[in-house]
């Protein structure tokens, strides 16, 4: 708990830190009442645990989950999980939770920004509010299949046109995610025209 507390203070973006043991318990920080949340065997099927088991993570890497709906009621979330071993014996998983709402706050800017994964599932966006279903670029953000193909082939760290948008995409370091900023072409053209009008 001292280690969790120290780590939590350095990274206020984290929602939860916890250790889920193979032997059947969970230790969470910040502390939460067992009346609100407690260990169950079903937790071992959740993405934060299952992604780091020997079967799914034989190389024992620290791994990011796909976006999922939190079991403790925090909405859409992604988790960074690390397997814990004693020699070759798998002991459990240490996890850091980040809510998508917190990630939204971190990418706020004057432009429309979003973060998506390799399945085009949106992890963070200015307008990401629903926790009822997983949001996708094509289903929830209006990108057609041809636009997704163009977005896929677009270069990183360069402004380009995709459909009716100027886009700028960049890799999010140490994650399988892409950061995307978009501006409607019409908006930029309109702004440019305004600057060319003579003063009255």
Protein backbone atom coordinates (compact mmCIF):
# COMPACT_ATOMS: atom_id res chain seq x y z
CA UNK A 1 0.00 0.00 0.00
CA UNK A 2 2.90 2.40 0.68
CA UNK A 3 4.21 1.70 -2.83
CA UNK A 4 0.77 2.18 -4.38
CA UNK A 5 0.28 5.43 -2.44
CA UNK A 6 3.63 6.84 -3.59
CA UNK A 7 2.99 5.87 -7.21
CA UNK A 8 -0.57 7.24 -7.11
CA UNK A 9 0.64 10.65 -5.91
CA UNK A 10 3.09 10.87 -8.83
CA UNK A 11 0.47 9.91 -11.42
CA UNK A 12 -2.84 11.61 -10.52
CA UNK A 13 -4.29 10.54 -13.90
CA UNK A 14 -4.66 6.98 -12.55
CA UNK A 15 -8.15 6.03 -11.37
CA UNK A 16 -7.24 2.77 -9.59
CA UNK A 17 -4.11 0.76 -8.83
CA UNK A 18 -4.54 -2.82 -7.72
CA UNK A 19 -3.06 -6.27 -7.42
CA UNK A 20 -5.30 -9.20 -8.35
CA UNK A 21 -3.91 -12.44 -6.97
CA UNK A 22 -4.10 -15.82 -8.66
CA UNK A 23 -4.84 -17.22 -5.20
CA UNK A 24 -8.08 -15.29 -4.84
CA UNK A 25 -7.93 -11.71 -3.52
CA UNK A 26 -7.61 -8.14 -4.76
CA UNK A 27 -5.79 -5.23 -3.10
CA UNK A 28 -6.92 -1.81 -4.42
CA UNK A 29 -5.69 1.75 -4.02
CA UNK A 30 -7.35 4.09 -3.22
CA UNK A 31 -9.15 1.89 -0.72
CA UNK A 32 -12.75 1.06 -1.50
CA UNK A 33 -15.33 -0.48 0.82
CA UNK A 34 -16.15 -4.15 0.24
CA UNK A 35 -19.80 -3.08 0.22
CA UNK A 36 -19.07 -1.19 -3.00
CA UNK A 37 -16.63 -3.61 -4.63
CA UNK A 38 -15.05 -6.91 -3.62
CA UNK A 39 -13.15 -9.83 -5.09
CA UNK A 40 -14.93 -12.47 -7.14
CA UNK A 41 -13.59 -15.20 -9.42
CA UNK A 42 -15.31 -13.40 -12.32
CA UNK A 43 -12.61 -10.70 -12.08
CA UNK A 44 -10.14 -13.17 -13.59
CA UNK A 45 -12.15 -13.05 -16.82
CA UNK A 46 -11.94 -9.24 -17.01
CA UNK A 47 -9.52 -7.69 -19.54
CA UNK A 48 -7.20 -6.18 -16.91
CA UNK A 49 -6.42 -9.68 -15.61
CA UNK A 50 -6.90 -12.02 -18.54
CA UNK A 51 -4.62 -10.02 -20.85
CA UNK A 52 -1.60 -10.68 -18.59
CA UNK A 53 -2.06 -14.38 -17.82
CA UNK A 54 0.59 -16.90 -18.98
CA UNK A 55 -1.76 -18.11 -21.73
CA UNK A 56 -2.30 -14.61 -23.19
CA UNK A 57 1.04 -13.02 -22.29
CA UNK A 58 3.69 -15.77 -22.46
CA UNK A 59 6.49 -13.21 -22.87
CA UNK A 60 5.50 -11.59 -19.54
CA UNK A 61 5.26 -8.11 -21.02
CA UNK A 62 3.49 -5.08 -19.59
CA UNK A 63 0.39 -4.77 -21.78
CA UNK A 64 -2.51 -2.41 -22.50
CA UNK A 65 -6.07 -3.72 -22.57
CA UNK A 66 -8.56 -2.81 -25.22
CA UNK A 67 -11.19 -0.34 -24.06
CA UNK A 68 -13.84 -1.93 -21.80
CA UNK A 69 -16.64 -1.01 -19.39
CA UNK A 70 -15.40 -0.93 -15.80
CA UNK A 71 -16.87 -3.45 -13.35
CA UNK A 72 -16.76 -0.89 -10.51
CA UNK A 73 -18.93 1.61 -12.36
CA UNK A 74 -16.32 4.08 -13.64
CA UNK A 75 -17.47 3.82 -17.26
CA UNK A 76 -15.21 3.29 -20.26
CA UNK A 77 -11.65 2.44 -19.27
CA UNK A 78 -8.26 1.16 -20.42
CA UNK A 79 -5.75 -0.60 -18.18
CA UNK A 80 -2.01 -1.11 -18.14
CA UNK A 81 -1.33 -4.54 -16.64
CA UNK A 82 1.83 -6.35 -15.63
CA UNK A 83 2.03 -10.06 -14.73
CA UNK A 84 3.74 -10.91 -11.44
CA UNK A 85 5.88 -14.05 -11.18
CA UNK A 86 7.89 -15.74 -8.46
CA UNK A 87 10.42 -17.66 -10.51
CA UNK A 88 8.21 -19.42 -13.05
CA UNK A 89 5.10 -19.39 -10.86
CA UNK A 90 2.43 -16.92 -11.97
CA UNK A 91 1.17 -15.05 -8.91
CA UNK A 92 -1.22 -12.44 -10.26
CA UNK A 93 -1.47 -9.10 -12.04
CA UNK A 94 -0.74 -5.50 -11.06
CA UNK A 95 -2.94 -3.03 -12.94
CA UNK A 96 -3.26 0.72 -13.46
CA UNK A 97 -6.68 1.98 -14.60
CA UNK A 98 -7.24 5.08 -16.71
CA UNK A 99 -10.80 6.18 -17.37
CA UNK A 100 -11.53 7.42 -20.86
CA UNK A 101 -13.00 10.56 -19.27
CA UNK A 102 -9.59 11.35 -17.76
CA UNK A 103 -7.84 10.70 -21.07
CA UNK A 104 -10.34 13.08 -22.70
CA UNK A 105 -9.27 15.80 -20.31
CA UNK A 106 -5.62 15.18 -21.11
CA UNK A 107 -6.07 15.76 -24.88
CA UNK A 108 -8.30 18.83 -24.70
CA UNK A 109 -7.27 21.40 -27.30
CA UNK A 110 -8.65 23.96 -29.74
CA UNK A 111 -9.01 21.15 -32.30
CA UNK A 112 -11.15 18.01 -32.28
CA UNK A 113 -8.85 15.35 -30.87
CA UNK A 114 -9.27 11.65 -30.30
CA UNK A 115 -7.24 8.54 -29.55
CA UNK A 116 -8.05 5.23 -31.21
CA UNK A 117 -6.61 1.71 -31.16
CA UNK A 118 -5.69 -0.76 -33.91
CA UNK A 119 -9.38 -1.79 -34.24
CA UNK A 120 -10.45 1.87 -34.78
CA UNK A 121 -12.13 1.79 -31.38
CA UNK A 122 -12.08 5.31 -29.90
CA UNK A 123 -10.46 5.40 -26.47
CA UNK A 124 -10.61 9.14 -25.93
CA UNK A 125 -12.35 12.02 -27.67
CA UNK A 126 -13.76 15.45 -26.90
CA UNK A 127 -17.29 14.07 -27.35
CA UNK A 128 -16.79 10.62 -25.82
CA UNK A 129 -19.59 10.40 -23.25
CA UNK A 130 -21.47 7.12 -23.57
CA UNK A 131 -20.46 4.11 -21.47
CA UNK A 132 -23.21 1.89 -22.85
CA UNK A 133 -21.26 0.66 -25.87
CA UNK A 134 -17.77 0.82 -27.32
CA UNK A 135 -17.37 3.71 -29.79
CA UNK A 136 -15.77 3.26 -33.22
CA UNK A 137 -14.51 5.71 -35.86
CA UNK A 138 -16.91 4.39 -38.51
CA UNK A 139 -19.98 3.75 -36.35
CA UNK A 140 -19.86 6.73 -33.99
CA UNK A 141 -17.64 9.32 -35.67
CA UNK A 142 -18.80 9.22 -39.29
CA UNK A 143 -15.69 7.85 -41.01
CA UNK A 144 -16.56 5.78 -44.08
CA UNK A 145 -14.65 2.61 -44.95
CA UNK A 146 -12.76 4.42 -47.73
CA UNK A 147 -11.86 7.23 -45.31
CA UNK A 148 -10.58 4.68 -42.78
CA UNK A 149 -8.40 3.18 -45.51
CA UNK A 150 -7.02 6.62 -46.35
CA UNK A 151 -6.49 7.36 -42.67
CA UNK A 152 -4.63 4.06 -42.28
CA UNK A 153 -2.23 4.94 -45.10
CA UNK A 154 -1.79 8.57 -44.01
CA UNK A 155 1.68 9.49 -42.80
CA UNK A 156 2.37 10.25 -39.18
CA UNK A 157 3.18 13.79 -37.99
CA UNK A 158 1.96 15.45 -41.17
CA UNK A 159 -1.22 17.38 -42.00
CA UNK A 160 -3.20 15.61 -44.73
CA UNK A 161 -6.73 15.53 -46.14
CA UNK A 162 -9.14 12.69 -45.42
CA UNK A 163 -12.61 13.25 -46.86
CA UNK A 164 -13.78 16.70 -45.71
CA UNK A 165 -11.20 16.93 -42.93
CA UNK A 166 -7.65 18.03 -42.45
CA UNK A 167 -6.09 15.39 -40.19
CA UNK A 168 -2.89 15.11 -38.20
CA UNK A 169 -2.06 11.75 -36.67
CA UNK A 170 0.69 10.76 -34.29
CA UNK A 171 1.69 7.63 -32.36
CA UNK A 172 1.04 7.67 -28.62
CA UNK A 173 4.39 6.57 -27.20
CA UNK A 174 4.56 3.16 -25.49
CA UNK A 175 0.97 2.29 -26.45
CA UNK A 176 -0.77 0.63 -29.44
CA UNK A 177 -2.78 3.85 -29.94
CA UNK A 178 -2.94 6.68 -32.47
CA UNK A 179 -3.63 10.32 -31.59
CA UNK A 180 -5.71 12.11 -34.23
CA UNK A 181 -6.58 15.80 -34.56
CA UNK A 182 -9.14 16.89 -37.15
CA UNK A 183 -10.29 20.22 -38.59
CA UNK A 184 -13.01 20.57 -41.27
CA UNK A 185 -11.53 21.77 -44.56
CA UNK A 186 -14.43 24.21 -44.95
CA UNK A 187 -13.59 25.79 -41.59
CA UNK A 188 -9.98 26.40 -42.59
CA UNK A 189 -10.96 27.73 -46.02
CA UNK A 190 -13.52 30.04 -44.41
CA UNK A 191 -10.95 31.38 -41.97
CA UNK A 192 -8.49 31.93 -44.79
CA UNK A 193 -11.10 33.87 -46.83
CA UNK A 194 -11.89 36.10 -43.88
CA UNK A 195 -8.27 37.14 -43.59
CA UNK A 196 -8.22 38.20 -47.25
CA UNK A 197 -11.28 40.49 -47.02
CA UNK A 198 -10.53 44.21 -47.03
CA UNK A 199 -11.22 46.17 -43.87
CA UNK A 200 -14.25 48.40 -44.01
